[in-house]
């Protein structure tokens, strides 16, 4: 699932099985996830880059990252100060 620059997003009660990356989110204000089951991702189960708030509760992440990437990547990109 690709989530790109959404405001607030909630994902609940979804099964993701045998995929490359289950959830890829970039630049969203808030990403809330609960009741997910993610298994068999060859890449990350959850790949979050520069999201404001990330919440994951009551979920099962199992057997992901078979290509060596791991289960989750959460990364913030710092803002660059403007020059005046």
PDB file of N, CA and C in Angstrom:
ATOM      1  N   UNK A   1       0.848  -1.151   0.000  1.00  0.00           N
ATOM      2  CA  UNK A   1       0.000   0.000   0.000  1.00  0.00           C
ATOM      3  C   UNK A   1       0.901   1.223   0.000  1.00  0.00           C
ATOM      4  N   UNK A   2       0.672   2.144  -0.891  1.00  0.00           N
ATOM      5  CA  UNK A   2       1.468   3.356  -1.015  1.00  0.00           C
ATOM      6  C   UNK A   2       0.671   4.537  -0.477  1.00  0.00           C
ATOM      7  N   UNK A   3       1.245   5.201   0.527  1.00  0.00           N
ATOM      8  CA  UNK A   3       0.606   6.373   1.128  1.00  0.00           C
ATOM      9  C   UNK A   3       1.594   7.522   0.966  1.00  0.00           C
ATOM     10  N   UNK A   4       1.254   8.495   0.139  1.00  0.00           N
ATOM     11  CA  UNK A   4       2.190   9.562  -0.179  1.00  0.00           C
ATOM     12  C   UNK A   4       1.580  10.919   0.138  1.00  0.00           C
ATOM     13  N   UNK A   5       2.099  11.564   1.187  1.00  0.00           N
ATOM     14  CA  UNK A   5       1.712  12.921   1.577  1.00  0.00           C
ATOM     15  C   UNK A   5       0.229  13.060   1.893  1.00  0.00           C
ATOM     16  N   UNK A   6      -0.353  12.062   2.544  1.00  0.00           N
ATOM     17  CA  UNK A   6      -1.725  12.167   3.014  1.00  0.00           C
ATOM     18  C   UNK A   6      -1.726  12.975   4.302  1.00  0.00           C
ATOM     19  N   UNK A   7      -2.853  13.525   4.661  1.00  0.00           N
ATOM     20  CA  UNK A   7      -2.973  14.211   5.948  1.00  0.00           C
ATOM     21  C   UNK A   7      -2.908  13.205   7.069  1.00  0.00           C
ATOM     22  N   UNK A   8      -4.054  12.687   7.493  1.00  0.00           N
ATOM     23  CA  UNK A   8      -4.132  11.653   8.523  1.00  0.00           C
ATOM     24  C   UNK A   8      -4.708  10.390   7.899  1.00  0.00           C
ATOM     25  N   UNK A   9      -4.056   9.256   8.170  1.00  0.00           N
ATOM     26  CA  UNK A   9      -4.482   7.979   7.597  1.00  0.00           C
ATOM     27  C   UNK A   9      -4.580   6.934   8.699  1.00  0.00           C
ATOM     28  N   UNK A  10      -5.655   6.148   8.689  1.00  0.00           N
ATOM     29  CA  UNK A  10      -5.810   5.037   9.623  1.00  0.00           C
ATOM     30  C   UNK A  10      -6.022   3.755   8.839  1.00  0.00           C
ATOM     31  N   UNK A  11      -5.213   2.748   9.165  1.00  0.00           N
ATOM     32  CA  UNK A  11      -5.364   1.417   8.576  1.00  0.00           C
ATOM     33  C   UNK A  11      -5.707   0.457   9.696  1.00  0.00           C
ATOM     34  N   UNK A  12      -6.760  -0.337   9.514  1.00  0.00           N
ATOM     35  CA  UNK A  12      -7.144  -1.279  10.574  1.00  0.00           C
ATOM     36  C   UNK A  12      -7.636  -2.587   9.971  1.00  0.00           C
ATOM     37  N   UNK A  13      -7.314  -3.672  10.688  1.00  0.00           N
ATOM     38  CA  UNK A  13      -7.811  -5.010  10.371  1.00  0.00           C
ATOM     39  C   UNK A  13      -7.550  -5.426   8.928  1.00  0.00           C
ATOM     40  N   UNK A  14      -6.279  -5.338   8.520  1.00  0.00           N
ATOM     41  CA  UNK A  14      -5.883  -5.716   7.163  1.00  0.00           C
ATOM     42  C   UNK A  14      -4.790  -6.777   7.256  1.00  0.00           C
ATOM     43  N   UNK A  15      -4.851  -7.780   6.388  1.00  0.00           N
ATOM     44  CA  UNK A  15      -3.807  -8.787   6.258  1.00  0.00           C
ATOM     45  C   UNK A  15      -2.996  -8.486   4.995  1.00  0.00           C
ATOM     46  N   UNK A  16      -1.684  -8.401   5.141  1.00  0.00           N
ATOM     47  CA  UNK A  16      -0.767  -8.257   4.016  1.00  0.00           C
ATOM     48  C   UNK A  16       0.095  -9.514   3.998  1.00  0.00           C
ATOM     49  N   UNK A  17       0.083 -10.257   2.893  1.00  0.00           N
ATOM     50  CA  UNK A  17       0.816 -11.517   2.818  1.00  0.00           C
ATOM     51  C   UNK A  17       1.608 -11.573   1.516  1.00  0.00           C
ATOM     52  N   UNK A  18       2.903 -11.930   1.638  1.00  0.00           N
ATOM     53  CA  UNK A  18       3.776 -12.182   0.488  1.00  0.00           C
ATOM     54  C   UNK A  18       3.786 -11.033  -0.517  1.00  0.00           C
ATOM     55  N   UNK A  19       4.458  -9.966  -0.136  1.00  0.00           N
ATOM     56  CA  UNK A  19       4.584  -8.795  -0.990  1.00  0.00           C
ATOM     57  C   UNK A  19       6.001  -8.255  -0.894  1.00  0.00           C
ATOM     58  N   UNK A  20       6.301  -7.223  -1.645  1.00  0.00           N
ATOM     59  CA  UNK A  20       7.626  -6.604  -1.578  1.00  0.00           C
ATOM     60  C   UNK A  20       7.716  -5.730  -0.324  1.00  0.00           C
ATOM     61  N   UNK A  21       6.896  -4.704  -0.240  1.00  0.00           N
ATOM     62  CA  UNK A  21       6.769  -3.839   0.947  1.00  0.00           C
ATOM     63  C   UNK A  21       5.278  -3.708   1.209  1.00  0.00           C
ATOM     64  N   UNK A  22       4.844  -4.056   2.415  1.00  0.00           N
ATOM     65  CA  UNK A  22       3.408  -4.024   2.699  1.00  0.00           C
ATOM     66  C   UNK A  22       2.877  -2.593   2.730  1.00  0.00           C
ATOM     67  N   UNK A  23       3.515  -1.729   3.529  1.00  0.00           N
ATOM     68  CA  UNK A  23       3.051  -0.350   3.672  1.00  0.00           C
ATOM     69  C   UNK A  23       4.232   0.581   3.492  1.00  0.00           C
ATOM     70  N   UNK A  24       4.129   1.466   2.514  1.00  0.00           N
ATOM     71  CA  UNK A  24       5.171   2.459   2.274  1.00  0.00           C
ATOM     72  C   UNK A  24       4.526   3.830   2.379  1.00  0.00           C
ATOM     73  N   UNK A  25       4.997   4.622   3.340  1.00  0.00           N
ATOM     74  CA  UNK A  25       4.397   5.921   3.606  1.00  0.00           C
ATOM     75  C   UNK A  25       5.474   7.002   3.621  1.00  0.00           C
ATOM     76  N   UNK A  26       5.181   8.114   2.972  1.00  0.00           N
ATOM     77  CA  UNK A  26       6.126   9.229   2.901  1.00  0.00           C
ATOM     78  C   UNK A  26       5.393  10.547   3.082  1.00  0.00           C
ATOM     79  N   UNK A  27       5.848  11.353   4.046  1.00  0.00           N
ATOM     80  CA  UNK A  27       5.374  12.727   4.186  1.00  0.00           C
ATOM     81  C   UNK A  27       3.943  12.901   4.648  1.00  0.00           C
ATOM     82  N   UNK A  28       3.390  11.921   5.338  1.00  0.00           N
ATOM     83  CA  UNK A  28       2.029  12.065   5.865  1.00  0.00           C
ATOM     84  C   UNK A  28       2.064  12.731   7.233  1.00  0.00           C
ATOM     85  N   UNK A  29       0.998  13.395   7.600  1.00  0.00           N
ATOM     86  CA  UNK A  29       0.916  14.035   8.908  1.00  0.00           C
ATOM     87  C   UNK A  29       0.862  12.990  10.018  1.00  0.00           C
ATOM     88  N   UNK A  30      -0.066  12.038   9.888  1.00  0.00           N
ATOM     89  CA  UNK A  30      -0.225  11.003  10.907  1.00  0.00           C
ATOM     90  C   UNK A  30      -0.640   9.697  10.252  1.00  0.00           C
ATOM     91  N   UNK A  31       0.063   8.612  10.623  1.00  0.00           N
ATOM     92  CA  UNK A  31      -0.266   7.276  10.140  1.00  0.00           C
ATOM     93  C   UNK A  31      -0.547   6.406  11.349  1.00  0.00           C
ATOM     94  N   UNK A  32      -1.789   5.956  11.484  1.00  0.00           N
ATOM     95  CA  UNK A  32      -2.215   5.121  12.607  1.00  0.00           C
ATOM     96  C   UNK A  32      -2.581   3.747  12.068  1.00  0.00           C
ATOM     97  N   UNK A  33      -2.000   2.706  12.683  1.00  0.00           N
ATOM     98  CA  UNK A  33      -2.242   1.347  12.223  1.00  0.00           C
ATOM     99  C   UNK A  33      -2.549   0.459  13.419  1.00  0.00           C
ATOM    100  N   UNK A  34      -3.600  -0.350  13.315  1.00  0.00           N
ATOM    101  CA  UNK A  34      -3.903  -1.315  14.372  1.00  0.00           C
ATOM    102  C   UNK A  34      -4.628  -2.515  13.788  1.00  0.00           C
ATOM    103  N   UNK A  35      -4.407  -3.659  14.446  1.00  0.00           N
ATOM    104  CA  UNK A  35      -5.046  -4.890  14.010  1.00  0.00           C
ATOM    105  C   UNK A  35      -4.529  -5.405  12.677  1.00  0.00           C
ATOM    106  N   UNK A  36      -3.269  -5.076  12.331  1.00  0.00           N
ATOM    107  CA  UNK A  36      -2.702  -5.534  11.066  1.00  0.00           C
ATOM    108  C   UNK A  36      -1.976  -6.854  11.264  1.00  0.00           C
ATOM    109  N   UNK A  37      -1.938  -7.653  10.218  1.00  0.00           N
ATOM    110  CA  UNK A  37      -1.110  -8.855  10.172  1.00  0.00           C
ATOM    111  C   UNK A  37      -0.300  -8.767   8.888  1.00  0.00           C
ATOM    112  N   UNK A  38       1.019  -8.666   9.057  1.00  0.00           N
ATOM    113  CA  UNK A  38       1.910  -8.526   7.906  1.00  0.00           C
ATOM    114  C   UNK A  38       2.923  -9.659   7.962  1.00  0.00           C
ATOM    115  N   UNK A  39       2.972 -10.474   6.907  1.00  0.00           N
ATOM    116  CA  UNK A  39       3.931 -11.577   6.864  1.00  0.00           C
ATOM    117  C   UNK A  39       4.401 -11.815   5.439  1.00  0.00           C
ATOM    118  N   UNK A  40       5.640 -12.290   5.328  1.00  0.00           N
ATOM    119  CA  UNK A  40       6.171 -12.682   4.035  1.00  0.00           C
ATOM    120  C   UNK A  40       6.615 -11.547   3.137  1.00  0.00           C
ATOM    121  N   UNK A  41       6.804 -10.339   3.677  1.00  0.00           N
ATOM    122  CA  UNK A  41       7.324  -9.238   2.857  1.00  0.00           C
ATOM    123  C   UNK A  41       8.793  -9.482   2.584  1.00  0.00           C
ATOM    124  N   UNK A  42       9.220  -9.367   1.328  1.00  0.00           N
ATOM    125  CA  UNK A  42      10.637  -9.543   1.027  1.00  0.00           C
ATOM    126  C   UNK A  42      11.436  -8.323   1.452  1.00  0.00           C
ATOM    127  N   UNK A  43      10.802  -7.167   1.453  1.00  0.00           N
ATOM    128  CA  UNK A  43      11.420  -5.940   1.951  1.00  0.00           C
ATOM    129  C   UNK A  43      10.872  -5.630   3.332  1.00  0.00           C
ATOM    130  N   UNK A  44      10.677  -4.360   3.610  1.00  0.00           N
ATOM    131  CA  UNK A  44      10.136  -3.957   4.900  1.00  0.00           C
ATOM    132  C   UNK A  44       8.639  -4.261   4.982  1.00  0.00           C
ATOM    133  N   UNK A  45       8.186  -4.623   6.162  1.00  0.00           N
ATOM    134  CA  UNK A  45       6.748  -4.712   6.384  1.00  0.00           C
ATOM    135  C   UNK A  45       6.167  -3.294   6.376  1.00  0.00           C
ATOM    136  N   UNK A  46       6.857  -2.382   7.068  1.00  0.00           N
ATOM    137  CA  UNK A  46       6.447  -0.974   7.114  1.00  0.00           C
ATOM    138  C   UNK A  46       7.673  -0.121   6.822  1.00  0.00           C
ATOM    139  N   UNK A  47       7.555   0.747   5.828  1.00  0.00           N
ATOM    140  CA  UNK A  47       8.630   1.663   5.449  1.00  0.00           C
ATOM    141  C   UNK A  47       8.074   3.078   5.546  1.00  0.00           C
ATOM    142  N   UNK A  48       8.442   3.781   6.609  1.00  0.00           N
ATOM    143  CA  UNK A  48       7.916   5.118   6.880  1.00  0.00           C
ATOM    144  C   UNK A  48       9.039   6.145   6.786  1.00  0.00           C
ATOM    145  N   UNK A  49       8.890   7.085   5.873  1.00  0.00           N
ATOM    146  CA  UNK A  49       9.891   8.133   5.688  1.00  0.00           C
ATOM    147  C   UNK A  49       9.240   9.502   5.839  1.00  0.00           C
ATOM    148  N   UNK A  50       9.720  10.244   6.817  1.00  0.00           N
ATOM    149  CA  UNK A  50       9.300  11.628   7.028  1.00  0.00           C
ATOM    150  C   UNK A  50       7.800  11.783   7.307  1.00  0.00           C
ATOM    151  N   UNK A  51       7.232  10.842   8.041  1.00  0.00           N
ATOM    152  CA  UNK A  51       5.852  10.978   8.510  1.00  0.00           C
ATOM    153  C   UNK A  51       5.886  11.697   9.856  1.00  0.00           C
ATOM    154  N   UNK A  52       4.902  12.556  10.113  1.00  0.00           N
ATOM    155  CA  UNK A  52       4.869  13.322  11.354  1.00  0.00           C
ATOM    156  C   UNK A  52       4.723  12.440  12.582  1.00  0.00           C
ATOM    157  N   UNK A  53       3.709  11.586  12.600  1.00  0.00           N
ATOM    158  CA  UNK A  53       3.443  10.683  13.724  1.00  0.00           C
ATOM    159  C   UNK A  53       3.116   9.301  13.176  1.00  0.00           C
ATOM    160  N   UNK A  54       3.706   8.281  13.806  1.00  0.00           N
ATOM    161  CA  UNK A  54       3.457   6.900  13.405  1.00  0.00           C
ATOM    162  C   UNK A  54       3.025   6.115  14.630  1.00  0.00           C
ATOM    163  N   UNK A  55       1.891   5.413  14.539  1.00  0.00           N
ATOM    164  CA  UNK A  55       1.389   4.609  15.650  1.00  0.00           C
ATOM    165  C   UNK A  55       1.036   3.219  15.141  1.00  0.00           C
ATOM    166  N   UNK A  56       1.586   2.197  15.823  1.00  0.00           N
ATOM    167  CA  UNK A  56       1.302   0.808  15.466  1.00  0.00           C
ATOM    168  C   UNK A  56       0.941   0.059  16.740  1.00  0.00           C
ATOM    169  N   UNK A  57      -0.287  -0.463  16.820  1.00  0.00           N
ATOM    170  CA  UNK A  57      -0.738  -1.182  18.010  1.00  0.00           C
ATOM    171  C   UNK A  57      -1.488  -2.448  17.613  1.00  0.00           C
ATOM    172  N   UNK A  58      -1.477  -3.409  18.514  1.00  0.00           N
ATOM    173  CA  UNK A  58      -2.239  -4.660  18.375  1.00  0.00           C
ATOM    174  C   UNK A  58      -2.090  -5.295  16.998  1.00  0.00           C
ATOM    175  N   UNK A  59      -0.846  -5.381  16.531  1.00  0.00           N
ATOM    176  CA  UNK A  59      -0.573  -5.919  15.205  1.00  0.00           C
ATOM    177  C   UNK A  59       0.483  -7.010  15.291  1.00  0.00           C
ATOM    178  N   UNK A  60       0.526  -7.870  14.272  1.00  0.00           N
ATOM    179  CA  UNK A  60       1.504  -8.950  14.206  1.00  0.00           C
ATOM    180  C   UNK A  60       2.319  -8.774  12.936  1.00  0.00           C
ATOM    181  N   UNK A  61       3.641  -8.674  13.098  1.00  0.00           N
ATOM    182  CA  UNK A  61       4.569  -8.600  11.973  1.00  0.00           C
ATOM    183  C   UNK A  61       5.477  -9.817  12.079  1.00  0.00           C
ATOM    184  N   UNK A  62       5.423 -10.689  11.076  1.00  0.00           N
ATOM    185  CA  UNK A  62       6.102 -11.973  11.179  1.00  0.00           C
ATOM    186  C   UNK A  62       6.764 -12.342   9.851  1.00  0.00           C
ATOM    187  N   UNK A  63       8.021 -12.797   9.901  1.00  0.00           N
ATOM    188  CA  UNK A  63       8.749 -13.324   8.735  1.00  0.00           C
ATOM    189  C   UNK A  63       8.833 -12.310   7.598  1.00  0.00           C
ATOM    190  N   UNK A  64       9.253 -11.104   7.921  1.00  0.00           N
ATOM    191  CA  UNK A  64       9.431 -10.063   6.917  1.00  0.00           C
ATOM    192  C   UNK A  64      10.908  -9.749   6.760  1.00  0.00           C
ATOM    193  N   UNK A  65      11.259  -9.063   5.693  1.00  0.00           N
ATOM    194  CA  UNK A  65      12.633  -8.644   5.474  1.00  0.00           C
ATOM    195  C   UNK A  65      13.558  -9.758   5.054  1.00  0.00           C
ATOM    196  N   UNK A  66      13.067 -10.667   4.226  1.00  0.00           N
ATOM    197  CA  UNK A  66      13.881 -11.809   3.827  1.00  0.00           C
ATOM    198  C   UNK A  66      15.077 -11.397   2.972  1.00  0.00           C
ATOM    199  N   UNK A  67      15.038 -10.186   2.390  1.00  0.00           N
ATOM    200  CA  UNK A  67      16.186  -9.732   1.606  1.00  0.00           C
ATOM    201  C   UNK A  67      17.187  -8.982   2.477  1.00  0.00           C
ATOM    202  N   UNK A  68      17.043  -9.056   3.792  1.00  0.00           N
ATOM    203  CA  UNK A  68      17.990  -8.438   4.716  1.00  0.00           C
ATOM    204  C   UNK A  68      17.623  -7.044   5.164  1.00  0.00           C
ATOM    205  N   UNK A  69      16.470  -6.544   4.753  1.00  0.00           N
ATOM    206  CA  UNK A  69      16.106  -5.168   5.091  1.00  0.00           C
ATOM    207  C   UNK A  69      15.514  -5.024   6.483  1.00  0.00           C
ATOM    208  N   UNK A  70      14.864  -6.034   7.012  1.00  0.00           N
ATOM    209  CA  UNK A  70      14.266  -5.942   8.348  1.00  0.00           C
ATOM    210  C   UNK A  70      12.770  -5.750   8.290  1.00  0.00           C
ATOM    211  N   UNK A  71      12.167  -5.687   9.473  1.00  0.00           N
ATOM    212  CA  UNK A  71      10.714  -5.595   9.539  1.00  0.00           C
ATOM    213  C   UNK A  71      10.196  -4.177   9.338  1.00  0.00           C
ATOM    214  N   UNK A  72      10.849  -3.197   9.978  1.00  0.00           N
ATOM    215  CA  UNK A  72      10.371  -1.816   9.864  1.00  0.00           C
ATOM    216  C   UNK A  72      11.540  -0.863   9.630  1.00  0.00           C
ATOM    217  N   UNK A  73      11.279   0.186   8.839  1.00  0.00           N
ATOM    218  CA  UNK A  73      12.217   1.299   8.720  1.00  0.00           C
ATOM    219  C   UNK A  73      11.423   2.564   8.985  1.00  0.00           C
ATOM    220  N   UNK A  74      11.841   3.288   9.993  1.00  0.00           N
ATOM    221  CA  UNK A  74      11.203   4.566  10.330  1.00  0.00           C
ATOM    222  C   UNK A  74      12.298   5.606  10.264  1.00  0.00           C
ATOM    223  N   UNK A  75      12.122   6.565   9.368  1.00  0.00           N
ATOM    224  CA  UNK A  75      13.191   7.503   9.095  1.00  0.00           C
ATOM    225  C   UNK A  75      12.619   8.905   8.954  1.00  0.00           C
ATOM    226  N   UNK A  76      13.219   9.847   9.678  1.00  0.00           N
ATOM    227  CA  UNK A  76      12.828  11.251   9.565  1.00  0.00           C
ATOM    228  C   UNK A  76      13.890  11.983   8.763  1.00  0.00           C
ATOM    229  N   UNK A  77      13.448  12.779   7.837  1.00  0.00           N
ATOM    230  CA  UNK A  77      14.367  13.579   7.044  1.00  0.00           C
ATOM    231  C   UNK A  77      14.357  14.988   7.639  1.00  0.00           C
ATOM    232  N   UNK A  78      15.485  15.452   8.163  1.00  0.00           N
ATOM    233  CA  UNK A  78      15.507  16.777   8.771  1.00  0.00           C
ATOM    234  C   UNK A  78      15.254  17.859   7.759  1.00  0.00           C
ATOM    235  N   UNK A  79      14.575  18.891   8.206  1.00  0.00           N
ATOM    236  CA  UNK A  79      14.326  20.016   7.304  1.00  0.00           C
ATOM    237  C   UNK A  79      15.605  20.849   7.209  1.00  0.00           C
ATOM    238  N   UNK A  80      15.806  21.434   6.068  1.00  0.00           N
ATOM    239  CA  UNK A  80      16.985  22.266   5.830  1.00  0.00           C
ATOM    240  C   UNK A  80      16.595  23.711   6.077  1.00  0.00           C
ATOM    241  N   UNK A  81      17.302  24.415   6.971  1.00  0.00           N
ATOM    242  CA  UNK A  81      16.961  25.815   7.220  1.00  0.00           C
ATOM    243  C   UNK A  81      17.134  26.657   5.963  1.00  0.00           C
ATOM    244  N   UNK A  82      16.252  27.591   5.786  1.00  0.00           N
ATOM    245  CA  UNK A  82      16.349  28.445   4.624  1.00  0.00           C
ATOM    246  C   UNK A  82      17.449  29.488   4.825  1.00  0.00           C
ATOM    247  N   UNK A  83      18.067  29.847   3.746  1.00  0.00           N
ATOM    248  CA  UNK A  83      19.118  30.876   3.795  1.00  0.00           C
ATOM    249  C   UNK A  83      18.495  32.217   3.471  1.00  0.00           C
ATOM    250  N   UNK A  84      18.912  33.203   4.193  1.00  0.00           N
ATOM    251  CA  UNK A  84      18.376  34.546   3.938  1.00  0.00           C
ATOM    252  C   UNK A  84      19.463  35.471   3.518  1.00  0.00           C
TER     253      UNK A  84
END
